[in-house]
């Protein structure tokens, strides 16, 4: 089950980054072809989407590291006496 979760997060991240790359390349081509400026909404979309991808991956990494912990406390150190 853990492998399936890892694959799902990987596919989600790579797919979203690929889609964002396609949008950016398209916008740059359109802006250079017609002599216009890059749409500020595209930059905002990129910032929000990359923040979302980082949040998804960070949440996955935090959950996967806490599930495999064999320590007494919640810090992940087996010698720790923090509980």
Protein backbone atom coordinates (compact mmCIF):
# COMPACT_ATOMS: atom_id res chain seq x y z
CA UNK A 1 0.00 0.00 0.00
CA UNK A 2 2.88 2.34 0.79
CA UNK A 3 4.31 1.79 -2.69
CA UNK A 4 0.99 2.69 -4.30
CA UNK A 5 0.83 5.90 -2.27
CA UNK A 6 4.38 6.80 -3.34
CA UNK A 7 3.59 6.16 -6.99
CA UNK A 8 0.40 8.23 -6.78
CA UNK A 9 2.23 11.23 -5.29
CA UNK A 10 4.99 10.89 -7.87
CA UNK A 11 2.57 10.74 -10.81
CA UNK A 12 0.56 13.65 -9.42
CA UNK A 13 3.65 15.81 -8.97
CA UNK A 14 5.26 14.98 -12.31
CA UNK A 15 1.98 15.36 -14.18
CA UNK A 16 1.20 18.72 -12.64
CA UNK A 17 4.71 20.03 -13.25
CA UNK A 18 4.53 18.82 -16.86
CA UNK A 19 1.20 20.54 -17.38
CA UNK A 20 2.56 23.75 -15.88
CA UNK A 21 5.60 23.54 -18.14
CA UNK A 22 3.35 23.15 -21.17
CA UNK A 23 1.29 26.20 -20.12
CA UNK A 24 4.42 28.32 -19.62
CA UNK A 25 5.96 27.32 -22.96
CA UNK A 26 2.67 28.06 -24.72
CA UNK A 27 2.37 31.47 -23.06
CA UNK A 28 5.96 32.40 -23.90
CA UNK A 29 5.45 31.35 -27.53
CA UNK A 30 2.23 33.34 -27.78
CA UNK A 31 3.81 36.40 -26.14
CA UNK A 32 6.86 36.34 -28.42
CA UNK A 33 4.85 35.61 -31.56
CA UNK A 34 2.43 38.49 -31.08
CA UNK A 35 4.85 40.90 -29.41
CA UNK A 36 2.87 41.10 -26.20
CA UNK A 37 3.77 40.73 -22.57
CA UNK A 38 3.46 37.60 -20.49
CA UNK A 39 0.10 37.50 -18.74
CA UNK A 40 0.53 38.19 -14.99
CA UNK A 41 -2.21 35.65 -14.25
CA UNK A 42 0.05 32.91 -15.61
CA UNK A 43 2.81 33.87 -13.16
CA UNK A 44 0.27 33.82 -10.32
CA UNK A 45 -0.99 30.41 -11.48
CA UNK A 46 2.55 29.05 -11.45
CA UNK A 47 3.26 30.37 -7.96
CA UNK A 48 0.09 28.89 -6.51
CA UNK A 49 0.47 25.55 -8.29
CA UNK A 50 4.10 25.08 -7.27
CA UNK A 51 3.16 25.93 -3.69
CA UNK A 52 0.46 23.26 -3.87
CA UNK A 53 2.86 20.64 -5.24
CA UNK A 54 5.38 21.42 -2.50
CA UNK A 55 2.61 21.09 0.10
CA UNK A 56 1.45 17.74 -1.27
CA UNK A 57 4.97 16.30 -1.37
CA UNK A 58 5.82 17.69 2.09
CA UNK A 59 2.63 16.21 3.55
CA UNK A 60 3.44 12.85 1.99
CA UNK A 61 7.00 12.88 3.29
CA UNK A 62 5.86 13.90 6.78
CA UNK A 63 3.26 11.14 6.92
CA UNK A 64 5.57 8.46 5.56
CA UNK A 65 8.38 9.33 7.98
CA UNK A 66 6.09 9.31 11.02
CA UNK A 67 4.51 5.95 10.11
CA UNK A 68 7.84 4.12 10.09
CA UNK A 69 9.01 5.57 13.39
CA UNK A 70 9.89 3.01 16.06
CA UNK A 71 10.75 5.48 18.78
CA UNK A 72 8.96 6.01 22.06
CA UNK A 73 8.38 9.69 21.36
CA UNK A 74 7.22 11.49 18.30
CA UNK A 75 10.60 12.89 17.29
CA UNK A 76 11.87 9.80 15.41
CA UNK A 77 14.94 9.23 17.60
CA UNK A 78 14.87 5.74 19.16
CA UNK A 79 17.13 6.82 22.06
CA UNK A 80 15.01 9.87 22.88
CA UNK A 81 13.07 10.01 26.16
CA UNK A 82 10.75 12.81 25.14
CA UNK A 83 7.48 10.97 25.64
